[in-house]
Amino acid sequence: MNPSRRIKQVAIGLAAVLAVGTGAIALLHAPFAKSALVAMGECPAKRVTAADVETARVDSVRKTRGKASAKARPALGFVLEDSTPDDIRSWALKNNVECKESREGLGFACVNVPSSALPDREASEGVVTSLHMNFRPGDKKLVNLSLTSANLDAQNAVDRMARRAATLQAALGPPTKEAGELSVERFAAGNMATASVRHVYRDYEAKVSATALEPSRVMLVEQYLSAND
């Protein structure tokens, strides 16, 4: 299989896992992540229910949530705890985005999403590999988004992550936590080089991370979620 295609498939699988629970984001930093998901053949996220996804989200945010409320809750132009599945269907139709529904219509997996379809970024950024969205079963409101851009070259990855970090900082202030140096040289070398920024509040969490799975083949992951029960 072509290496770029293989990494793209892994990116979609990892994004689906991330959409199930925030704790799974550690997979992005593990050297075994790529081979493990390929060996599985099927993403484990396909075997869980909407209730399982919601339980995982609530369990995770209860352990990590901050004390202060967020001044804003950026979410790719969508609205956490307000947007509904029908809103996403309308958005997908308007922007000609391919999305598949799962888990009783409370999970959406969209692929090859043009940046022009996302209100928070420029069309020139190109295509996003996958976008996963989950809705709370009780009121069918959006609570979790996970976006993955795969096979980025080092410069593109650094530029995209820097823009995302700057957007979050402008809306929220300095990040709660930063890790890893964001540099073209590190990502060009591969070696699972990783950089991340994270904002944690009582009602909101956001994390952006970039990982060089191979030299100059970088995966950028963004996750935005409600931290309310």
C-alpha atoms as a PDB file:
ATOM      1  CA  MET A   1       0.000   0.000   0.000  1.00  0.00           C
ATOM      2  CA  ASN A   2       1.157   3.525  -0.770  1.00  0.00           C
ATOM      3  CA  PRO A   3       2.656   5.031   2.435  1.00  0.00           C
ATOM      4  CA  SER A   4       0.633   8.244   2.145  1.00  0.00           C
ATOM      5  CA  ARG A   5      -2.603   6.293   1.740  1.00  0.00           C
ATOM      6  CA  ARG A   6      -1.717   4.052   4.677  1.00  0.00           C
ATOM      7  CA  ILE A   7      -1.028   7.011   6.969  1.00  0.00           C
ATOM      8  CA  LYS A   8      -4.251   8.666   5.826  1.00  0.00           C
ATOM      9  CA  GLN A   9      -6.210   5.548   6.777  1.00  0.00           C
ATOM     10  CA  VAL A  10      -4.524   5.480  10.163  1.00  0.00           C
ATOM     11  CA  ALA A  11      -5.347   9.155  10.648  1.00  0.00           C
ATOM     12  CA  ILE A  12      -9.031   8.502  10.081  1.00  0.00           C
ATOM     13  CA  GLY A  13      -8.942   5.563  12.486  1.00  0.00           C
ATOM     14  CA  LEU A  14      -7.155   7.531  15.164  1.00  0.00           C
ATOM     15  CA  ALA A  15      -9.587  10.403  14.813  1.00  0.00           C
ATOM     16  CA  ALA A  16     -12.468   8.016  15.355  1.00  0.00           C
ATOM     17  CA  VAL A  17     -10.815   6.677  18.493  1.00  0.00           C
ATOM     18  CA  LEU A  18     -10.186  10.225  19.716  1.00  0.00           C
ATOM     19  CA  ALA A  19     -13.819  11.074  19.194  1.00  0.00           C
ATOM     20  CA  VAL A  20     -14.771   8.367  21.694  1.00  0.00           C
ATOM     21  CA  GLY A  21     -12.791   9.757  24.609  1.00  0.00           C
ATOM     22  CA  THR A  22     -10.204  12.437  25.281  1.00  0.00           C
ATOM     23  CA  GLY A  23      -7.913  10.016  27.046  1.00  0.00           C
ATOM     24  CA  ALA A  24      -7.324   8.203  23.767  1.00  0.00           C
ATOM     25  CA  ILE A  25      -5.361  11.157  22.457  1.00  0.00           C
ATOM     26  CA  ALA A  26      -2.315   9.538  24.037  1.00  0.00           C
ATOM     27  CA  LEU A  27      -2.407   7.102  21.136  1.00  0.00           C
ATOM     28  CA  LEU A  28      -1.041   9.821  18.934  1.00  0.00           C
ATOM     29  CA  HIS A  29       2.144   9.860  20.971  1.00  0.00           C
ATOM     30  CA  ALA A  30       2.695   6.124  21.106  1.00  0.00           C
ATOM     31  CA  PRO A  31       5.101   4.537  18.597  1.00  0.00           C
ATOM     32  CA  PHE A  32       2.872   1.477  18.317  1.00  0.00           C
ATOM     33  CA  ALA A  33      -0.252   3.448  17.343  1.00  0.00           C
ATOM     34  CA  LYS A  34       0.109   3.160  13.585  1.00  0.00           C
ATOM     35  CA  SER A  35       0.815  -0.557  13.393  1.00  0.00           C
ATOM     36  CA  ALA A  36      -1.748  -1.385  16.071  1.00  0.00           C
ATOM     37  CA  LEU A  37      -4.635   0.270  14.273  1.00  0.00           C
ATOM     38  CA  VAL A  38      -3.627  -1.219  10.944  1.00  0.00           C
ATOM     39  CA  ALA A  39      -3.492  -4.674  12.535  1.00  0.00           C
ATOM     40  CA  MET A  40      -6.975  -4.223  13.997  1.00  0.00           C
ATOM     41  CA  GLY A  41      -8.416  -3.773  10.525  1.00  0.00           C
ATOM     42  CA  GLU A  42     -11.488  -2.088  12.030  1.00  0.00           C
ATOM     43  CA  CYS A  43     -11.514   0.952  14.219  1.00  0.00           C
ATOM     44  CA  PRO A  44     -12.678   0.030  17.751  1.00  0.00           C
ATOM     45  CA  ALA A  45     -14.854   3.166  17.782  1.00  0.00           C
ATOM     46  CA  LYS A  46     -17.276   1.355  15.468  1.00  0.00           C
ATOM     47  CA  ARG A  47     -18.130  -1.097  18.217  1.00  0.00           C
ATOM     48  CA  VAL A  48     -19.336   1.389  20.832  1.00  0.00           C
ATOM     49  CA  THR A  49     -22.728   3.016  21.368  1.00  0.00           C
ATOM     50  CA  ALA A  50     -23.646   6.681  21.752  1.00  0.00           C
ATOM     51  CA  ALA A  51     -24.062   6.066  25.475  1.00  0.00           C
ATOM     52  CA  ASP A  52     -20.559   4.564  25.648  1.00  0.00           C
ATOM     53  CA  VAL A  53     -19.120   7.630  23.922  1.00  0.00           C
ATOM     54  CA  GLU A  54     -20.899   9.989  26.286  1.00  0.00           C
ATOM     55  CA  THR A  55     -19.798   8.015  29.354  1.00  0.00           C
ATOM     56  CA  ALA A  56     -16.186   8.167  28.156  1.00  0.00           C
ATOM     57  CA  ARG A  57     -16.389  11.928  27.620  1.00  0.00           C
ATOM     58  CA  VAL A  58     -17.927  12.642  31.013  1.00  0.00           C
ATOM     59  CA  ASP A  59     -15.506  10.339  32.837  1.00  0.00           C
ATOM     60  CA  SER A  60     -12.580  12.038  31.128  1.00  0.00           C
ATOM     61  CA  VAL A  61     -13.587  15.661  31.697  1.00  0.00           C
ATOM     62  CA  ARG A  62     -14.422  15.014  35.339  1.00  0.00           C
ATOM     63  CA  LYS A  63     -10.783  14.065  35.836  1.00  0.00           C
ATOM     64  CA  THR A  64      -9.260  16.930  33.861  1.00  0.00           C
ATOM     65  CA  ARG A  65     -11.639  19.921  34.003  1.00  0.00           C
ATOM     66  CA  GLY A  66     -10.370  23.221  35.329  1.00  0.00           C
ATOM     67  CA  LYS A  67     -11.929  25.606  37.848  1.00  0.00           C
ATOM     68  CA  ALA A  68     -12.652  28.699  35.753  1.00  0.00           C
ATOM     69  CA  SER A  69     -15.209  28.963  32.965  1.00  0.00           C
ATOM     70  CA  ALA A  70     -13.933  29.631  29.454  1.00  0.00           C
ATOM     71  CA  LYS A  71     -14.426  33.114  27.984  1.00  0.00           C
ATOM     72  CA  ALA A  72     -15.334  31.429  24.707  1.00  0.00           C
ATOM     73  CA  ARG A  73     -15.595  27.879  23.406  1.00  0.00           C
ATOM     74  CA  PRO A  74     -14.149  27.748  19.879  1.00  0.00           C
ATOM     75  CA  ALA A  75     -15.296  24.625  18.007  1.00  0.00           C
ATOM     76  CA  LEU A  76     -14.456  24.896  14.305  1.00  0.00           C
ATOM     77  CA  GLY A  77     -17.308  27.352  13.823  1.00  0.00           C
ATOM     78  CA  PHE A  78     -19.894  25.000  15.335  1.00  0.00           C
ATOM     79  CA  VAL A  79     -21.516  25.617  18.732  1.00  0.00           C
ATOM     80  CA  LEU A  80     -20.952  23.192  21.585  1.00  0.00           C
ATOM     81  CA  GLU A  81     -24.139  22.197  23.428  1.00  0.00           C
ATOM     82  CA  ASP A  82     -26.233  23.944  20.805  1.00  0.00           C
ATOM     83  CA  SER A  83     -25.544  22.485  17.328  1.00  0.00           C
ATOM     84  CA  THR A  84     -27.694  19.455  16.502  1.00  0.00           C
ATOM     85  CA  PRO A  85     -27.392  16.526  14.076  1.00  0.00           C
ATOM     86  CA  ASP A  86     -29.780  18.347  11.729  1.00  0.00           C
ATOM     87  CA  ASP A  87     -27.445  21.361  11.774  1.00  0.00           C
ATOM     88  CA  ILE A  88     -24.562  19.121  10.713  1.00  0.00           C
ATOM     89  CA  ARG A  89     -26.632  17.513   7.965  1.00  0.00           C
ATOM     90  CA  SER A  90     -27.500  20.952   6.611  1.00  0.00           C
ATOM     91  CA  TRP A  91     -23.863  22.069   6.829  1.00  0.00           C
ATOM     92  CA  ALA A  92     -22.659  18.937   5.023  1.00  0.00           C
ATOM     93  CA  LEU A  93     -25.218  19.344   2.243  1.00  0.00           C
ATOM     94  CA  LYS A  94     -24.453  23.035   1.782  1.00  0.00           C
ATOM     95  CA  ASN A  95     -20.693  22.433   1.602  1.00  0.00           C
ATOM     96  CA  ASN A  96     -20.808  19.149  -0.329  1.00  0.00           C
ATOM     97  CA  VAL A  97     -19.090  17.282   2.514  1.00  0.00           C
ATOM     98  CA  GLU A  98     -19.324  13.500   2.720  1.00  0.00           C
ATOM     99  CA  CYS A  99     -20.407  12.385   6.195  1.00  0.00           C
ATOM    100  CA  LYS A 100     -21.473   9.004   7.523  1.00  0.00           C
ATOM    101  CA  GLU A 101     -23.732   8.682  10.545  1.00  0.00           C
ATOM    102  CA  SER A 102     -23.429   6.072  13.273  1.00  0.00           C
ATOM    103  CA  ARG A 103     -24.560   5.371  16.832  1.00  0.00           C
ATOM    104  CA  GLU A 104     -28.243   6.140  16.331  1.00  0.00           C
ATOM    105  CA  GLY A 105     -27.458   9.294  14.362  1.00  0.00           C
ATOM    106  CA  LEU A 106     -25.432  10.771  17.224  1.00  0.00           C
ATOM    107  CA  GLY A 107     -22.028  10.200  15.657  1.00  0.00           C
ATOM    108  CA  PHE A 108     -20.806  11.781  12.408  1.00  0.00           C
ATOM    109  CA  ALA A 109     -17.631  10.924  10.485  1.00  0.00           C
ATOM    110  CA  CYS A 110     -16.799  13.295   7.642  1.00  0.00           C
ATOM    111  CA  VAL A 111     -13.872  12.820   5.270  1.00  0.00           C
ATOM    112  CA  ASN A 112     -11.886  15.065   2.947  1.00  0.00           C
ATOM    113  CA  VAL A 113     -13.440  18.208   4.365  1.00  0.00           C
ATOM    114  CA  PRO A 114     -12.389  21.377   2.497  1.00  0.00           C
ATOM    115  CA  SER A 115     -11.130  24.090   4.823  1.00  0.00           C
ATOM    116  CA  SER A 116     -13.560  26.451   3.123  1.00  0.00           C
ATOM    117  CA  ALA A 117     -16.370  24.483   4.826  1.00  0.00           C
ATOM    118  CA  LEU A 118     -15.022  25.367   8.281  1.00  0.00           C
ATOM    119  CA  PRO A 119     -15.867  28.941   9.302  1.00  0.00           C
ATOM    120  CA  ASP A 120     -12.820  29.320  11.524  1.00  0.00           C
ATOM    121  CA  ARG A 121     -10.134  29.000   8.813  1.00  0.00           C
ATOM    122  CA  GLU A 122      -9.011  30.046   5.369  1.00  0.00           C
ATOM    123  CA  ALA A 123      -9.862  28.013   2.275  1.00  0.00           C
ATOM    124  CA  SER A 124      -6.173  28.078   1.316  1.00  0.00           C
ATOM    125  CA  GLU A 125      -5.375  25.585   4.098  1.00  0.00           C
ATOM    126  CA  GLY A 126      -6.629  22.790   1.871  1.00  0.00           C
ATOM    127  CA  VAL A 127      -8.403  19.565   2.775  1.00  0.00           C
ATOM    128  CA  VAL A 128      -8.897  18.127   6.259  1.00  0.00           C
ATOM    129  CA  THR A 129      -8.572  14.335   6.314  1.00  0.00           C
ATOM    130  CA  SER A 130     -11.376  13.625   8.771  1.00  0.00           C
ATOM    131  CA  LEU A 131     -13.795  15.291  11.140  1.00  0.00           C
ATOM    132  CA  HIS A 132     -15.659  13.333  13.822  1.00  0.00           C
ATOM    133  CA  MET A 133     -18.528  14.776  15.852  1.00  0.00           C
ATOM    134  CA  ASN A 134     -20.470  13.304  18.758  1.00  0.00           C
ATOM    135  CA  PHE A 135     -23.756  14.383  20.314  1.00  0.00           C
ATOM    136  CA  ARG A 136     -25.045  13.920  23.841  1.00  0.00           C
ATOM    137  CA  PRO A 137     -27.803  11.261  23.815  1.00  0.00           C
ATOM    138  CA  GLY A 138     -30.052  13.098  26.289  1.00  0.00           C
ATOM    139  CA  ASP A 139     -30.598  16.319  24.306  1.00  0.00           C
ATOM    140  CA  LYS A 140     -28.810  15.525  21.016  1.00  0.00           C
ATOM    141  CA  LYS A 141     -26.494  18.512  21.350  1.00  0.00           C
ATOM    142  CA  LEU A 142     -22.919  18.642  20.044  1.00  0.00           C
ATOM    143  CA  VAL A 143     -20.338  17.942  22.764  1.00  0.00           C
ATOM    144  CA  ASN A 144     -17.194  16.631  21.032  1.00  0.00           C
ATOM    145  CA  LEU A 145     -15.332  17.362  17.799  1.00  0.00           C
ATOM    146  CA  SER A 146     -12.089  15.782  16.631  1.00  0.00           C
ATOM    147  CA  LEU A 147     -10.383  16.865  13.427  1.00  0.00           C
ATOM    148  CA  THR A 148      -7.354  15.246  11.784  1.00  0.00           C
ATOM    149  CA  SER A 149      -5.119  16.470   8.956  1.00  0.00           C
ATOM    150  CA  ALA A 150      -2.714  13.774   7.774  1.00  0.00           C
ATOM    151  CA  ASN A 151       0.350  13.614   5.527  1.00  0.00           C
ATOM    152  CA  LEU A 152       1.304  17.243   6.064  1.00  0.00           C
ATOM    153  CA  ASP A 153       4.837  18.279   5.261  1.00  0.00           C
ATOM    154  CA  ALA A 154       6.769  19.784   8.139  1.00  0.00           C
ATOM    155  CA  GLN A 155       6.324  23.426   7.109  1.00  0.00           C
ATOM    156  CA  ASN A 156       2.592  23.048   6.485  1.00  0.00           C
ATOM    157  CA  ALA A 157       2.116  21.302   9.833  1.00  0.00           C
ATOM    158  CA  VAL A 158       4.000  24.000  11.724  1.00  0.00           C
ATOM    159  CA  ASP A 159       2.067  26.771   9.974  1.00  0.00           C
ATOM    160  CA  ARG A 160      -1.322  25.147  10.613  1.00  0.00           C
ATOM    161  CA  MET A 161      -0.612  24.390  14.247  1.00  0.00           C
ATOM    162  CA  ALA A 162       0.738  27.892  14.851  1.00  0.00           C
ATOM    163  CA  ARG A 163      -2.484  29.356  13.426  1.00  0.00           C
ATOM    164  CA  ARG A 164      -4.667  27.095  15.574  1.00  0.00           C
ATOM    165  CA  ALA A 165      -2.656  27.911  18.705  1.00  0.00           C
ATOM    166  CA  ALA A 166      -2.855  31.635  17.961  1.00  0.00           C
ATOM    167  CA  THR A 167      -6.620  31.456  17.386  1.00  0.00           C
ATOM    168  CA  LEU A 168      -7.166  29.677  20.689  1.00  0.00           C
ATOM    169  CA  GLN A 169      -4.902  32.069  22.569  1.00  0.00           C
ATOM    170  CA  ALA A 170      -6.686  35.092  21.101  1.00  0.00           C
ATOM    171  CA  ALA A 171     -10.023  33.717  22.288  1.00  0.00           C
ATOM    172  CA  LEU A 172      -8.979  32.199  25.610  1.00  0.00           C
ATOM    173  CA  GLY A 173      -5.620  33.558  26.706  1.00  0.00           C
ATOM    174  CA  PRO A 174      -2.423  31.545  27.275  1.00  0.00           C
ATOM    175  CA  PRO A 175      -2.736  27.752  27.123  1.00  0.00           C
ATOM    176  CA  THR A 176      -3.016  25.673  30.262  1.00  0.00           C
ATOM    177  CA  LYS A 177      -0.198  23.462  29.052  1.00  0.00           C
ATOM    178  CA  GLU A 178       2.323  23.382  26.214  1.00  0.00           C
ATOM    179  CA  ALA A 179       4.649  20.542  25.297  1.00  0.00           C
ATOM    180  CA  GLY A 180       7.300  20.021  22.631  1.00  0.00           C
ATOM    181  CA  GLU A 181       9.017  22.479  20.325  1.00  0.00           C
ATOM    182  CA  LEU A 182       7.049  23.484  17.249  1.00  0.00           C
ATOM    183  CA  SER A 183       9.758  23.584  14.590  1.00  0.00           C
ATOM    184  CA  VAL A 184      10.136  22.528  10.967  1.00  0.00           C
ATOM    185  CA  GLU A 185      13.441  20.825  11.738  1.00  0.00           C
ATOM    186  CA  ARG A 186      11.958  18.524  14.377  1.00  0.00           C
ATOM    187  CA  PHE A 187       9.034  17.437  12.233  1.00  0.00           C
ATOM    188  CA  ALA A 188      11.150  17.000   9.126  1.00  0.00           C
ATOM    189  CA  ALA A 189      13.254  14.456  11.022  1.00  0.00           C
ATOM    190  CA  GLY A 190      10.295  12.297  12.058  1.00  0.00           C
ATOM    191  CA  ASN A 191      11.074  10.211  15.147  1.00  0.00           C
ATOM    192  CA  MET A 192       7.516  10.715  16.482  1.00  0.00           C
ATOM    193  CA  ALA A 193       8.349  14.342  17.261  1.00  0.00           C
ATOM    194  CA  THR A 194       5.326  15.908  18.944  1.00  0.00           C
ATOM    195  CA  ALA A 195       4.197  19.374  19.965  1.00  0.00           C
ATOM    196  CA  SER A 196       0.921  20.275  21.638  1.00  0.00           C
ATOM    197  CA  VAL A 197      -1.071  23.046  23.295  1.00  0.00           C
ATOM    198  CA  ARG A 198      -3.993  22.481  25.626  1.00  0.00           C
ATOM    199  CA  HIS A 199      -6.650  24.711  27.188  1.00  0.00           C
ATOM    200  CA  VAL A 200      -8.607  23.296  30.129  1.00  0.00           C
ATOM    201  CA  TYR A 201     -11.592  24.971  31.779  1.00  0.00           C
ATOM    202  CA  ARG A 202     -14.548  23.999  33.897  1.00  0.00           C
ATOM    203  CA  ASP A 203     -16.828  23.881  30.864  1.00  0.00           C
ATOM    204  CA  TYR A 204     -14.485  23.443  27.905  1.00  0.00           C
ATOM    205  CA  GLU A 205     -11.340  21.703  26.704  1.00  0.00           C
ATOM    206  CA  ALA A 206      -9.323  22.180  23.536  1.00  0.00           C
ATOM    207  CA  LYS A 207      -6.158  20.476  22.412  1.00  0.00           C
ATOM    208  CA  VAL A 208      -4.079  20.786  19.261  1.00  0.00           C
ATOM    209  CA  SER A 209      -1.176  18.435  18.655  1.00  0.00           C
ATOM    210  CA  ALA A 210       1.156  17.597  15.798  1.00  0.00           C
ATOM    211  CA  THR A 211       3.063  14.329  15.518  1.00  0.00           C
ATOM    212  CA  ALA A 212       5.641  13.342  12.885  1.00  0.00           C
ATOM    213  CA  LEU A 213       4.759   9.705  12.219  1.00  0.00           C
ATOM    214  CA  GLU A 214       7.486   9.599   9.572  1.00  0.00           C
ATOM    215  CA  PRO A 215       9.964  12.210   8.293  1.00  0.00           C
ATOM    216  CA  SER A 216       7.953  15.096   6.832  1.00  0.00           C
ATOM    217  CA  ARG A 217       4.684  13.178   7.239  1.00  0.00           C
ATOM    218  CA  VAL A 218       2.980  14.976  10.080  1.00  0.00           C
ATOM    219  CA  MET A 219      -0.457  14.381  11.580  1.00  0.00           C
ATOM    220  CA  LEU A 220      -2.239  17.383  13.059  1.00  0.00           C
ATOM    221  CA  VAL A 221      -5.081  16.661  15.478  1.00  0.00           C
ATOM    222  CA  GLU A 222      -7.529  19.159  16.934  1.00  0.00           C
ATOM    223  CA  GLN A 223     -10.070  18.324  19.615  1.00  0.00           C
ATOM    224  CA  TYR A 224     -12.757  20.583  21.050  1.00  0.00           C
ATOM    225  CA  LEU A 225     -15.246  19.420  23.633  1.00  0.00           C
ATOM    226  CA  SER A 226     -17.701  20.447  26.286  1.00  0.00           C
ATOM    227  CA  ALA A 227     -16.461  19.708  29.792  1.00  0.00           C
ATOM    228  CA  ASN A 228     -19.959  19.863  31.240  1.00  0.00           C
ATOM    229  CA  ASP A 229     -21.649  16.675  32.372  1.00  0.00           C
END
